[in-house]
């Protein structure tokens, strides 16, 4: 590969880039000699560029693969050396030297660094017992030697531990021998029987070793040094026995022989119980999965397949997984074939069982229109203000009635806030005061003065008089307030005018022929007539007549009529 592609960091021109690619292609094809590194070795032209290119911090400017090879450590290994402890450099001087330690007389340190005991009379003044000079060493330790915790350790020092242990054992044996010499022969025979002195000494040694066993008891076991037996308990004292979980005689059965309780002693009490029976472990976690896998291995072996779960568990797991996938595919294919043959796929898209079989204890009764008659009412939106609070016997709130630019109560039509409700009597009194204002205000001042001596009438008496006067007025003018008498309109025995009925039928037929949203010509409609569209009645007559109502009923198309679409083919 060219050195331009690996070492040059400048941007190549088009011509250089083309020549570089041609050279690389020729080297890969074998027509051009391979590139050589600094050691004269050929570089494989098929090596990728990210491997052949050296990093910028070790780039030598020439093609090389040295950065991909293991670098040999050029530094020589330093032999392990340590400080010469306790060694002195030659013989001590006979007299004090200038610049030496004032305390001991050595030249290798000063008085403040001296490790000897401070003397009462310094060596500088006495000139006696001058210590020899120490050996000053400058060790060159590498990274690992500085951090080696065993650097400078002398293995021969470990022999001192063995020597100390052997001295202790020798002293113990001598002590036992002296005790045996003090005992009589009969006591020795009773204690040892027919055993020899050698066996006795070994047993005594074992007893000394066993005397520490009582202090090292583990939970669940106890060592008895007298009988040389180990008592192992089947449970720890901190554990609760299974038969004490539930003292009810009808609870889970406890087998005292095997000390097992398979069922849950506290059924339905607590889901997070500490103990839920011995079978709880068998049916939770991966235990059921392992049981199904073992059952599959047995069934497959009976059918001739070489499957062994313990010998090759990976094979058994893969075969079982493949078996489950094929089983699901077969189940889906059989379901599709049944649906294709017999149909009924629409019945599978049913709502969940929670919606179909949902039951509740609350009783709710509905009407035909879906309104709740009895039972649970629809929740109303809550407000921070007080709602449904009525004062002074009112059944509605202030502001529920509006008339003549004033707000009032709708229940009694009173315009006085915080007044007492009078109910229907107050409404009738207000209507009487409105329509009979002339009766109350028509009198002169003299008549009012003459009537001032009369007793004051109550509101009920005044209302009764107004009703009597109103009935008299209705008898005198039967056509008065005809607009307010709409009850029973179009019912009973009605006398119709034939000409007006014929005219009304023509107008209704013409109105039904109009398209939706289309009106009659404004030129044919009387001026300021809001109810009539092209009728020939008077302008002031804005009420619907009996003839028009009858024409509407005759022309009205009833969709519920069974004979509406009947056509007589004979005619």
Protein backbone atom coordinates (compact mmCIF):
# COMPACT_ATOMS: atom_id res chain seq x y z
CA UNK A 1 0.00 0.00 0.00
CA UNK A 2 1.27 3.46 -0.72
CA UNK A 3 2.75 5.59 1.96
CA UNK A 4 0.48 8.42 0.86
CA UNK A 5 -2.61 6.57 2.06
CA UNK A 6 -1.24 5.82 5.51
CA UNK A 7 1.12 8.60 6.49
CA UNK A 8 0.04 11.72 4.71
CA UNK A 9 -2.47 13.82 6.55
CA UNK A 10 -2.81 16.43 3.79
CA UNK A 11 -5.75 16.42 1.45
CA UNK A 12 -4.93 14.65 -1.82
CA UNK A 13 -5.65 16.06 -5.20
CA UNK A 14 -7.81 14.23 -7.66
CA UNK A 15 -4.81 13.01 -9.64
CA UNK A 16 -2.96 11.75 -6.55
CA UNK A 17 -6.10 10.07 -5.26
CA UNK A 18 -6.65 8.32 -8.63
CA UNK A 19 -3.04 7.12 -8.77
CA UNK A 20 -3.26 5.87 -5.20
CA UNK A 21 -6.39 3.82 -5.96
CA UNK A 22 -4.84 2.38 -9.13
CA UNK A 23 -1.70 1.37 -7.20
CA UNK A 24 -3.76 -0.31 -4.48
CA UNK A 25 -5.76 -2.22 -7.09
CA UNK A 26 -2.57 -3.35 -8.83
CA UNK A 27 -1.05 -4.56 -5.55
CA UNK A 28 -4.20 -6.51 -4.68
CA UNK A 29 -4.21 -8.05 -8.16
CA UNK A 30 -0.53 -9.00 -7.84
CA UNK A 31 0.71 -6.98 -10.80
CA UNK A 32 2.61 -4.52 -8.59
CA UNK A 33 5.09 -5.44 -5.82
CA UNK A 34 3.80 -5.30 -2.27
CA UNK A 35 4.77 -2.43 -0.01
CA UNK A 36 7.49 -3.05 2.57
CA UNK A 37 7.77 -1.76 6.12
CA UNK A 38 10.82 -0.35 7.87
CA UNK A 39 12.14 -3.86 8.63
CA UNK A 40 11.91 -4.97 4.97
CA UNK A 41 8.84 -7.17 5.45
CA UNK A 42 6.06 -7.18 2.86
CA UNK A 43 2.75 -5.66 3.90
CA UNK A 44 -0.35 -7.58 2.84
CA UNK A 45 -2.29 -5.25 0.49
CA UNK A 46 -5.59 -6.79 1.65
CA UNK A 47 -5.15 -5.48 5.22
CA UNK A 48 -7.81 -2.81 5.91
CA UNK A 49 -6.72 0.78 6.24
CA UNK A 50 -7.90 1.17 9.87
CA UNK A 51 -5.46 -1.65 10.81
CA UNK A 52 -2.51 -0.65 8.64
CA UNK A 53 -2.67 3.06 9.56
CA UNK A 54 -0.67 3.94 12.67
CA UNK A 55 -2.16 6.28 15.32
CA UNK A 56 -1.10 9.90 15.19
CA UNK A 57 0.91 9.73 18.41
CA UNK A 58 3.22 6.91 17.15
CA UNK A 59 3.16 7.66 13.43
CA UNK A 60 6.71 7.44 12.05
CA UNK A 61 5.78 8.78 8.61
CA UNK A 62 6.49 5.44 6.89
CA UNK A 63 4.31 2.41 6.17
CA UNK A 64 4.61 -0.05 9.04
CA UNK A 65 2.73 -2.63 11.06
CA UNK A 66 4.88 -2.31 14.14
CA UNK A 67 2.04 -0.75 16.12
CA UNK A 68 0.02 -3.99 15.68
CA UNK A 69 2.77 -6.25 17.09
CA UNK A 70 3.54 -6.90 20.73
CA UNK A 71 6.04 -4.36 21.98
CA UNK A 72 9.04 -5.82 23.79
CA UNK A 73 9.90 -4.23 27.11
CA UNK A 74 13.28 -2.58 26.60
CA UNK A 75 13.81 -1.76 30.26
CA UNK A 76 15.88 -4.30 32.15
CA UNK A 77 14.33 -6.04 35.07
CA UNK A 78 15.54 -4.67 38.39
CA UNK A 79 16.72 -7.32 40.76
CA UNK A 80 14.87 -7.30 44.04
CA UNK A 81 16.95 -5.41 46.57
CA UNK A 82 16.15 -4.06 49.99
CA UNK A 83 17.73 -2.08 52.72
CA UNK A 84 20.56 -3.69 54.68
CA UNK A 85 19.02 -3.71 58.14
CA UNK A 86 21.37 -3.66 61.09
CA UNK A 87 24.57 -3.59 59.03
CA UNK A 88 27.31 -1.05 59.64
CA UNK A 89 29.92 0.32 57.26
CA UNK A 90 33.28 -0.79 58.69
CA UNK A 91 34.73 -0.31 62.17
CA UNK A 92 33.74 2.56 64.46
CA UNK A 93 36.04 5.57 64.83
CA UNK A 94 38.14 6.05 67.95
CA UNK A 95 37.54 9.77 68.38
CA UNK A 96 34.82 12.25 67.52
CA UNK A 97 34.86 13.68 64.01
CA UNK A 98 33.75 17.07 62.94
CA UNK A 99 30.22 17.04 61.44
CA UNK A 100 29.26 13.74 63.07
CA UNK A 101 26.23 13.09 65.27
CA UNK A 102 26.68 14.74 68.64
CA UNK A 103 24.83 11.90 70.39
CA UNK A 104 26.42 8.71 68.97
CA UNK A 105 29.30 10.01 66.84
CA UNK A 106 28.23 8.47 63.48
CA UNK A 107 28.84 10.49 60.29
CA UNK A 108 25.71 9.31 58.43
CA UNK A 109 23.12 11.36 60.34
CA UNK A 110 22.67 14.36 62.62
CA UNK A 111 21.67 14.50 66.27
CA UNK A 112 17.98 15.16 65.54
CA UNK A 113 17.84 12.03 63.32
CA UNK A 114 19.71 9.77 65.72
CA UNK A 115 17.90 6.57 66.67
CA UNK A 116 20.06 5.77 69.76
CA UNK A 117 19.09 6.56 73.32
CA UNK A 118 19.93 10.14 74.24
CA UNK A 119 23.04 10.06 76.32
CA UNK A 120 23.62 12.06 79.46
CA UNK A 121 27.10 12.99 78.19
CA UNK A 122 27.17 13.27 74.44
CA UNK A 123 29.83 11.49 72.35
CA UNK A 124 31.03 14.92 71.24
CA UNK A 125 32.15 15.74 74.79
CA UNK A 126 33.02 12.29 76.10
CA UNK A 127 34.67 10.84 72.98
CA UNK A 128 33.66 7.32 74.07
CA UNK A 129 31.47 4.56 72.56
CA UNK A 130 31.35 6.10 69.11
CA UNK A 131 28.98 4.14 66.83
CA UNK A 132 30.04 3.02 63.35
CA UNK A 133 28.52 4.58 60.28
CA UNK A 134 25.33 3.10 58.71
CA UNK A 135 25.14 1.86 55.13
CA UNK A 136 23.25 4.40 52.99
CA UNK A 137 21.40 2.76 50.08
CA UNK A 138 19.51 4.28 47.17
CA UNK A 139 17.25 1.59 45.70
CA UNK A 140 15.71 2.02 42.27
CA UNK A 141 12.29 0.41 42.62
CA UNK A 142 9.86 0.02 39.74
CA UNK A 143 6.08 0.51 39.92
CA UNK A 144 5.31 -2.98 41.18
CA UNK A 145 8.17 -3.07 43.68
CA UNK A 146 6.99 0.11 45.37
CA UNK A 147 3.54 -1.42 45.89
CA UNK A 148 4.64 -4.94 46.84
CA UNK A 149 3.67 -5.50 50.49
CA UNK A 150 6.09 -8.46 50.73
CA UNK A 151 9.07 -6.63 49.21
CA UNK A 152 12.08 -7.01 51.48
CA UNK A 153 10.55 -9.87 53.47
CA UNK A 154 13.00 -12.57 54.59
CA UNK A 155 11.43 -16.05 54.37
CA UNK A 156 13.84 -17.33 56.97
CA UNK A 157 11.95 -15.26 59.57
CA UNK A 158 8.98 -17.59 59.21
CA UNK A 159 11.04 -20.38 60.73
CA UNK A 160 10.92 -18.53 64.05
CA UNK A 161 7.19 -19.25 64.25
CA UNK A 162 7.80 -22.99 63.95
CA UNK A 163 10.51 -22.84 66.58
CA UNK A 164 8.23 -21.03 69.01
CA UNK A 165 5.40 -23.54 68.43
CA UNK A 166 7.72 -26.49 68.98
CA UNK A 167 8.96 -25.00 72.25
CA UNK A 168 5.38 -24.67 73.51
CA UNK A 169 4.54 -28.26 72.57
CA UNK A 170 7.70 -29.53 74.27
CA UNK A 171 6.83 -27.69 77.45
CA UNK A 172 3.28 -29.14 77.40
CA UNK A 173 4.55 -32.68 76.98
CA UNK A 174 6.97 -32.25 79.88
CA UNK A 175 4.14 -30.96 82.06
CA UNK A 176 1.97 -33.98 81.27
CA UNK A 177 4.86 -36.36 81.96
CA UNK A 178 5.42 -34.80 85.35
CA UNK A 179 1.71 -35.17 86.19
CA UNK A 180 1.77 -38.84 85.18
CA UNK A 181 4.75 -39.51 87.45
CA UNK A 182 2.86 -38.10 90.43
CA UNK A 183 -0.16 -40.38 89.89
CA UNK A 184 -0.23 -43.94 91.31
CA UNK A 185 -0.29 -47.05 89.21
CA UNK A 186 -3.84 -48.04 90.29
CA UNK A 187 -5.28 -44.69 89.27
CA UNK A 188 -3.48 -45.00 85.97
CA UNK A 189 -5.00 -48.45 85.33
CA UNK A 190 -8.52 -47.31 86.23
CA UNK A 191 -8.25 -44.40 83.90
CA UNK A 192 -6.59 -46.07 80.98
CA UNK A 193 -7.54 -49.76 81.31
CA UNK A 194 -5.31 -51.97 79.25
CA UNK A 195 -4.06 -49.25 76.97
CA UNK A 196 -0.45 -48.42 76.79
CA UNK A 197 1.25 -45.16 77.61
CA UNK A 198 1.48 -44.19 73.96
CA UNK A 199 -2.28 -44.55 73.41
CA UNK A 200 -3.03 -42.63 76.59
CA UNK A 201 -0.95 -39.70 75.51
CA UNK A 202 -2.71 -39.52 72.12
CA UNK A 203 -6.15 -39.69 73.75
CA UNK A 204 -5.26 -36.99 76.19
CA UNK A 205 -4.13 -34.83 73.31
CA UNK A 206 -7.47 -35.39 71.54
CA UNK A 207 -9.36 -34.47 74.73
CA UNK A 208 -7.45 -31.22 74.90
CA UNK A 209 -8.42 -30.50 71.35
CA UNK A 210 -12.08 -31.36 72.03
CA UNK A 211 -12.36 -29.07 74.99
CA UNK A 212 -12.71 -26.16 72.57
CA UNK A 213 -15.62 -27.81 70.72
CA UNK A 214 -18.28 -26.62 73.16
CA UNK A 215 -17.41 -22.99 72.44
CA UNK A 216 -17.74 -23.50 68.67
CA UNK A 217 -21.32 -24.87 68.51
CA UNK A 218 -23.15 -24.14 65.29
CA UNK A 219 -26.89 -23.44 65.08
CA UNK A 220 -28.71 -26.73 65.01
CA UNK A 221 -26.01 -28.94 66.57
CA UNK A 222 -24.26 -29.49 69.90
CA UNK A 223 -21.03 -31.34 70.66
CA UNK A 224 -20.87 -33.37 73.88
CA UNK A 225 -17.23 -33.91 74.93
CA UNK A 226 -18.15 -36.45 77.62
CA UNK A 227 -19.72 -38.99 75.28
CA UNK A 228 -17.81 -37.74 72.20
CA UNK A 229 -21.08 -37.44 70.21
CA UNK A 230 -22.62 -34.67 68.18
CA UNK A 231 -26.30 -33.92 68.86
CA UNK A 232 -27.88 -32.48 65.74
CA UNK A 233 -31.29 -30.86 66.03
CA UNK A 234 -33.67 -30.96 63.07
CA UNK A 235 -34.64 -27.31 63.48
CA UNK A 236 -33.28 -24.15 64.98
CA UNK A 237 -34.87 -22.92 68.18
CA UNK A 238 -35.75 -19.61 66.57
CA UNK A 239 -38.03 -21.35 64.05
CA UNK A 240 -41.73 -21.93 64.71
CA UNK A 241 -42.99 -25.48 64.44
CA UNK A 242 -45.41 -26.16 61.60
CA UNK A 243 -48.10 -27.54 63.90
CA UNK A 244 -48.08 -24.24 65.81
CA UNK A 245 -48.97 -22.14 62.77
CA UNK A 246 -52.68 -22.81 63.26
CA UNK A 247 -53.99 -24.56 66.37
CA UNK A 248 -57.37 -25.32 64.80
CA UNK A 249 -58.02 -29.06 64.65
CA UNK A 250 -59.64 -28.72 61.21
CA UNK A 251 -56.70 -26.88 59.67
CA UNK A 252 -54.00 -28.41 57.45
CA UNK A 253 -52.87 -31.93 58.34
CA UNK A 254 -49.46 -32.28 60.01
CA UNK A 255 -47.61 -35.57 59.52
CA UNK A 256 -45.45 -36.15 62.62
CA UNK A 257 -43.46 -38.96 61.00
CA UNK A 258 -42.13 -36.92 58.11
CA UNK A 259 -42.67 -33.58 59.87
CA UNK A 260 -44.40 -32.15 56.83
CA UNK A 261 -47.50 -30.00 56.34
CA UNK A 262 -48.40 -29.98 52.68
CA UNK A 263 -51.41 -27.65 52.77
CA UNK A 264 -51.54 -24.02 53.80
CA UNK A 265 -52.46 -23.77 57.51
CA UNK A 266 -53.81 -20.22 57.09
CA UNK A 267 -56.02 -20.41 54.01
CA UNK A 268 -57.61 -17.12 52.97
CA UNK A 269 -56.09 -15.05 55.78
CA UNK A 270 -52.99 -13.46 54.33
CA UNK A 271 -51.52 -13.73 50.86
CA UNK A 272 -48.04 -12.65 52.05
CA UNK A 273 -47.80 -15.29 54.76
CA UNK A 274 -44.40 -16.45 55.99
CA UNK A 275 -45.34 -20.12 55.62
CA UNK A 276 -47.90 -21.34 53.06
CA UNK A 277 -47.35 -25.11 53.21
CA UNK A 278 -44.80 -27.45 51.69
CA UNK A 279 -46.66 -27.66 48.38
CA UNK A 280 -46.37 -23.92 47.90
CA UNK A 281 -42.77 -24.32 46.73
CA UNK A 282 -43.76 -27.07 44.30
CA UNK A 283 -46.32 -24.97 42.48
CA UNK A 284 -44.57 -21.58 42.39
CA UNK A 285 -41.59 -20.17 40.50
CA UNK A 286 -39.88 -22.41 37.95
CA UNK A 287 -40.94 -25.67 39.63
CA UNK A 288 -44.07 -26.20 37.43
CA UNK A 289 -42.06 -25.35 34.32
CA UNK A 290 -39.39 -27.90 35.28
CA UNK A 291 -42.06 -30.52 35.95
CA UNK A 292 -43.65 -29.96 32.52
CA UNK A 293 -40.23 -30.21 30.90
CA UNK A 294 -39.53 -33.51 32.66
CA UNK A 295 -42.93 -34.87 31.66
CA UNK A 296 -42.27 -33.91 28.04
CA UNK A 297 -38.90 -35.71 28.15
CA UNK A 298 -40.54 -38.91 29.46
CA UNK A 299 -43.30 -38.84 26.86
CA UNK A 300 -40.83 -38.17 24.05
CA UNK A 301 -38.63 -41.06 25.20
CA UNK A 302 -41.62 -43.42 25.20
CA UNK A 303 -42.38 -42.43 21.61
CA UNK A 304 -38.84 -43.28 20.45
CA UNK A 305 -37.02 -39.94 20.72
CA UNK A 306 -33.63 -39.95 22.39
CA UNK A 307 -34.29 -37.17 24.93
CA UNK A 308 -32.76 -37.11 28.39
CA UNK A 309 -33.27 -33.99 30.47
CA UNK A 310 -30.32 -34.57 32.82
CA UNK A 311 -27.86 -35.74 30.14
CA UNK A 312 -28.63 -32.97 27.65
CA UNK A 313 -30.85 -30.26 29.16
CA UNK A 314 -30.31 -27.84 26.27
CA UNK A 315 -31.68 -30.34 23.75
CA UNK A 316 -34.71 -31.01 25.94
CA UNK A 317 -35.43 -27.29 26.32
CA UNK A 318 -35.20 -26.66 22.56
CA UNK A 319 -37.39 -29.66 21.69
CA UNK A 320 -39.98 -28.64 24.24
CA UNK A 321 -40.06 -25.08 22.89
CA UNK A 322 -40.44 -26.38 19.34
CA UNK A 323 -43.22 -28.71 20.47
CA UNK A 324 -45.17 -25.83 22.05
CA UNK A 325 -44.86 -23.71 18.89
CA UNK A 326 -46.14 -26.53 16.67
CA UNK A 327 -48.98 -27.15 19.09
CA UNK A 328 -50.09 -23.51 18.90
CA UNK A 329 -49.91 -23.52 15.09
CA UNK A 330 -51.95 -26.73 14.92
CA UNK A 331 -54.54 -25.26 17.27
CA UNK A 332 -54.86 -22.11 15.16
CA UNK A 333 -55.09 -24.05 11.90
CA UNK A 334 -57.82 -26.34 13.29
CA UNK A 335 -59.74 -23.31 14.53
CA UNK A 336 -59.54 -21.64 11.12
CA UNK A 337 -60.65 -24.80 9.34
CA UNK A 338 -63.69 -25.16 11.63
CA UNK A 339 -64.66 -21.53 11.12
CA UNK A 340 -64.23 -21.87 7.36
CA UNK A 341 -66.45 -24.96 7.33
CA UNK A 342 -69.23 -24.01 9.73
CA UNK A 343 -68.83 -20.23 10.08
CA UNK A 344 -69.72 -18.31 13.22
CA UNK A 345 -66.67 -16.10 13.44
CA UNK A 346 -68.83 -13.14 14.44
CA UNK A 347 -69.72 -14.87 17.69
CA UNK A 348 -66.08 -14.94 18.76
CA UNK A 349 -65.90 -11.14 18.89
CA UNK A 350 -67.96 -10.99 22.06
CA UNK A 351 -67.41 -8.51 24.87
CA UNK A 352 -65.30 -9.67 27.80
CA UNK A 353 -66.84 -11.89 30.45
CA UNK A 354 -66.50 -9.10 32.98
CA UNK A 355 -69.02 -7.08 30.98
CA UNK A 356 -71.35 -9.97 30.11
CA UNK A 357 -71.54 -11.46 33.58
CA UNK A 358 -71.15 -8.28 35.58
CA UNK A 359 -73.49 -8.20 38.57
CA UNK A 360 -74.09 -5.68 41.31
CA UNK A 361 -76.19 -5.38 44.44
CA UNK A 362 -77.43 -1.84 43.70
CA UNK A 363 -81.01 -1.66 42.39
CA UNK A 364 -81.69 0.83 39.62
CA UNK A 365 -85.04 1.19 37.84
CA UNK A 366 -85.24 2.88 34.43
CA UNK A 367 -88.14 4.17 32.35
CA UNK A 368 -88.75 3.47 28.67
CA UNK A 369 -86.84 6.59 27.72
CA UNK A 370 -83.79 5.56 29.82
CA UNK A 371 -84.43 7.99 32.68
CA UNK A 372 -83.63 6.72 36.17
CA UNK A 373 -86.89 6.33 38.09
CA UNK A 374 -85.58 4.71 41.25
CA UNK A 375 -82.12 3.89 42.48
CA UNK A 376 -78.83 5.47 41.64
CA UNK A 377 -79.10 9.01 40.35
CA UNK A 378 -76.60 10.61 38.03
CA UNK A 379 -73.88 12.44 39.90
CA UNK A 380 -74.15 16.18 39.68
CA UNK A 381 -71.19 18.46 39.17
CA UNK A 382 -70.06 19.97 42.43
CA UNK A 383 -69.41 23.66 42.88
CA UNK A 384 -67.62 25.68 45.52
CA UNK A 385 -70.83 27.65 46.04
CA UNK A 386 -73.76 26.40 48.10
CA UNK A 387 -76.39 24.79 45.91
CA UNK A 388 -80.07 23.96 46.49
CA UNK A 389 -80.25 26.24 49.51
CA UNK A 390 -83.64 28.01 49.65
CA UNK A 391 -84.65 30.62 52.25
CA UNK A 392 -88.00 31.94 53.51
CA UNK A 393 -90.07 29.02 52.17
CA UNK A 394 -88.95 29.63 48.55
CA UNK A 395 -88.61 26.70 46.13
CA UNK A 396 -86.40 28.57 43.63
CA UNK A 397 -83.43 30.87 43.98
CA UNK A 398 -83.22 34.62 43.56
CA UNK A 399 -82.75 35.48 39.89
CA UNK A 400 -84.84 32.63 38.48
CA UNK A 401 -87.53 35.08 37.27
CA UNK A 402 -87.19 38.13 35.02
CA UNK A 403 -89.90 40.61 34.12
CA UNK A 404 -90.05 44.33 33.36
CA UNK A 405 -86.31 44.70 33.84
CA UNK A 406 -86.30 43.22 37.33
CA UNK A 407 -85.09 39.96 38.85
CA UNK A 408 -87.18 37.93 41.26
CA UNK A 409 -88.27 34.52 42.50
CA UNK A 410 -90.00 32.24 39.99
CA UNK A 411 -91.98 30.37 42.64
CA UNK A 412 -93.97 33.43 43.74
CA UNK A 413 -92.85 36.07 41.16
CA UNK A 414 -91.75 38.41 43.92
CA UNK A 415 -89.24 41.13 43.06
CA UNK A 416 -88.25 41.78 46.69
CA UNK A 417 -85.09 39.97 47.72
CA UNK A 418 -85.16 37.90 50.94
CA UNK A 419 -88.98 38.22 51.04
CA UNK A 420 -91.27 35.46 52.28
CA UNK A 421 -92.68 33.16 49.57
CA UNK A 422 -96.46 33.41 48.96
CA UNK A 423 -96.62 30.68 46.31
CA UNK A 424 -99.47 30.55 43.76
CA UNK A 425 -101.46 33.12 45.71
CA UNK A 426 -98.71 35.64 45.12
CA UNK A 427 -98.60 34.84 41.38
CA UNK A 428 -102.37 35.30 41.02
CA UNK A 429 -102.21 38.51 43.01
CA UNK A 430 -99.47 39.84 40.72
CA UNK A 431 -101.51 39.00 37.61
CA UNK A 432 -104.56 40.64 39.11
CA UNK A 433 -102.56 43.75 39.94
CA UNK A 434 -101.18 43.85 36.38
CA UNK A 435 -104.42 43.40 34.40
CA UNK A 436 -106.72 45.12 36.87
CA UNK A 437 -104.68 48.22 37.51
CA UNK A 438 -107.55 50.39 36.29
CA UNK A 439 -109.86 48.97 38.92
CA UNK A 440 -107.46 49.91 41.73
CA UNK A 441 -106.28 53.23 40.27
CA UNK A 442 -109.57 54.46 38.64
CA UNK A 443 -111.09 55.83 41.86
CA UNK A 444 -110.75 59.46 42.74
CA UNK A 445 -109.11 60.90 45.77
CA UNK A 446 -112.46 61.62 47.36
CA UNK A 447 -113.63 58.06 47.09
CA UNK A 448 -110.35 56.92 48.57
CA UNK A 449 -110.87 59.29 51.44
CA UNK A 450 -114.43 58.04 51.97
CA UNK A 451 -113.28 54.45 51.94
CA UNK A 452 -110.49 55.08 54.34
CA UNK A 453 -112.78 54.40 57.25
CA UNK A 454 -113.65 50.92 55.90
CA UNK A 455 -111.84 47.91 57.39
CA UNK A 456 -108.69 46.77 55.60
CA UNK A 457 -109.23 43.64 53.49
CA UNK A 458 -106.85 40.71 53.50
CA UNK A 459 -104.96 39.48 50.43
CA UNK A 460 -107.23 36.43 50.09
CA UNK A 461 -110.39 38.58 50.15
CA UNK A 462 -108.94 40.92 47.52
CA UNK A 463 -108.02 37.95 45.33
CA UNK A 464 -111.54 36.52 45.59
CA UNK A 465 -113.08 39.84 44.54
CA UNK A 466 -110.75 40.07 41.55
CA UNK A 467 -111.72 36.59 40.38
CA UNK A 468 -115.42 37.50 40.65
CA UNK A 469 -114.92 40.66 38.65
CA UNK A 470 -112.92 38.77 36.02
CA UNK A 471 -115.67 36.19 35.59
CA UNK A 472 -118.20 38.97 35.08
CA UNK A 473 -116.03 40.55 32.40
CA UNK A 474 -115.66 37.19 30.59
CA UNK A 475 -119.41 36.70 30.55
CA UNK A 476 -119.98 40.14 29.09
CA UNK A 477 -117.33 39.77 26.33
CA UNK A 478 -116.82 36.09 25.43
CA UNK A 479 -114.25 36.98 22.72
CA UNK A 480 -111.88 38.75 25.14
CA UNK A 481 -108.44 37.23 25.65
CA UNK A 482 -109.04 34.72 22.87
CA UNK A 483 -105.31 34.40 22.31
CA UNK A 484 -104.89 32.94 25.80
CA UNK A 485 -107.61 30.31 25.31
CA UNK A 486 -105.69 27.74 23.27
CA UNK A 487 -106.68 24.73 25.35
CA UNK A 488 -108.68 22.17 23.39
CA UNK A 489 -107.85 23.81 20.06
CA UNK A 490 -108.88 21.54 17.16
CA UNK A 491 -110.78 19.10 19.38
CA UNK A 492 -114.47 18.38 19.95
CA UNK A 493 -117.32 19.27 17.59
CA UNK A 494 -115.92 21.84 15.16
CA UNK A 495 -117.88 23.72 12.54
CA UNK A 496 -115.71 24.32 9.46
CA UNK A 497 -116.28 26.72 6.61
CA UNK A 498 -116.16 24.81 3.31
CA UNK A 499 -114.70 27.69 1.29
CA UNK A 500 -112.00 28.38 3.80
CA UNK A 501 -111.21 24.62 4.09
CA UNK A 502 -110.89 24.34 0.31
CA UNK A 503 -108.59 27.36 0.24
CA UNK A 504 -106.53 25.95 3.11
CA UNK A 505 -106.12 22.59 1.29
CA UNK A 506 -104.81 24.35 -1.79
CA UNK A 507 -102.32 26.38 0.27
CA UNK A 508 -101.12 23.26 2.13
CA UNK A 509 -100.66 21.35 -1.12
CA UNK A 510 -98.68 24.23 -2.59
CA UNK A 511 -96.55 24.44 0.57
CA UNK A 512 -95.68 20.73 0.48
CA UNK A 513 -94.45 21.02 -3.11
CA UNK A 514 -91.77 23.48 -2.03
CA UNK A 515 -88.21 22.22 -1.65
CA UNK A 516 -86.55 22.27 1.78
CA UNK A 517 -85.45 25.80 2.64
CA UNK A 518 -87.50 27.37 -0.20
CA UNK A 519 -90.21 29.97 0.60
CA UNK A 520 -93.01 31.49 -1.36
CA UNK A 521 -92.50 34.69 -3.30
CA UNK A 522 -92.40 37.68 -0.97
CA UNK A 523 -94.62 39.59 -3.37
CA UNK A 524 -97.50 37.20 -2.65
CA UNK A 525 -97.04 37.35 1.14
CA UNK A 526 -99.00 40.05 3.02
CA UNK A 527 -96.96 42.76 4.65
CA UNK A 528 -95.80 42.10 8.24
CA UNK A 529 -97.45 38.67 8.34
CA UNK A 530 -95.21 36.32 10.30
CA UNK A 531 -97.51 33.29 10.43
CA UNK A 532 -99.20 33.20 7.01
CA UNK A 533 -97.40 32.47 3.75
CA UNK A 534 -99.60 33.69 0.91
CA UNK A 535 -102.98 33.22 2.59
CA UNK A 536 -105.82 35.61 1.74
CA UNK A 537 -106.70 36.41 5.34
CA UNK A 538 -106.50 39.82 6.91
CA UNK A 539 -103.21 41.24 7.93
CA UNK A 540 -104.15 41.48 11.60
CA UNK A 541 -105.28 37.87 11.75
CA UNK A 542 -102.12 35.98 12.76
CA UNK A 543 -103.70 32.93 14.39
CA UNK A 544 -104.02 29.53 12.76
CA UNK A 545 -107.66 28.78 11.98
CA UNK A 546 -109.48 25.51 12.40
CA UNK A 547 -109.68 25.11 8.61
CA UNK A 548 -105.88 25.38 8.25
CA UNK A 549 -105.33 22.86 11.05
CA UNK A 550 -107.78 20.44 9.41
CA UNK A 551 -106.06 20.88 6.03
CA UNK A 552 -102.69 20.11 7.64
CA UNK A 553 -104.07 16.95 9.21
CA UNK A 554 -105.60 15.77 5.92
CA UNK A 555 -102.41 16.37 3.92
CA UNK A 556 -100.03 15.06 6.55
CA UNK A 557 -98.21 11.85 5.52
CA UNK A 558 -98.31 9.25 8.28
CA UNK A 559 -95.36 6.84 8.06
CA UNK A 560 -97.05 4.46 10.48
CA UNK A 561 -100.09 4.05 8.24
CA UNK A 562 -99.97 0.50 6.77
CA UNK A 563 -102.01 1.65 3.73
CA UNK A 564 -99.79 4.65 2.96
CA UNK A 565 -97.81 2.89 0.21
CA UNK A 566 -100.69 0.82 -1.05
CA UNK A 567 -101.35 1.12 -4.81
CA UNK A 568 -104.46 -0.33 -6.41
CA UNK A 569 -103.24 -2.04 -9.58
CA UNK A 570 -106.78 -2.57 -10.89
CA UNK A 571 -107.32 1.14 -11.28
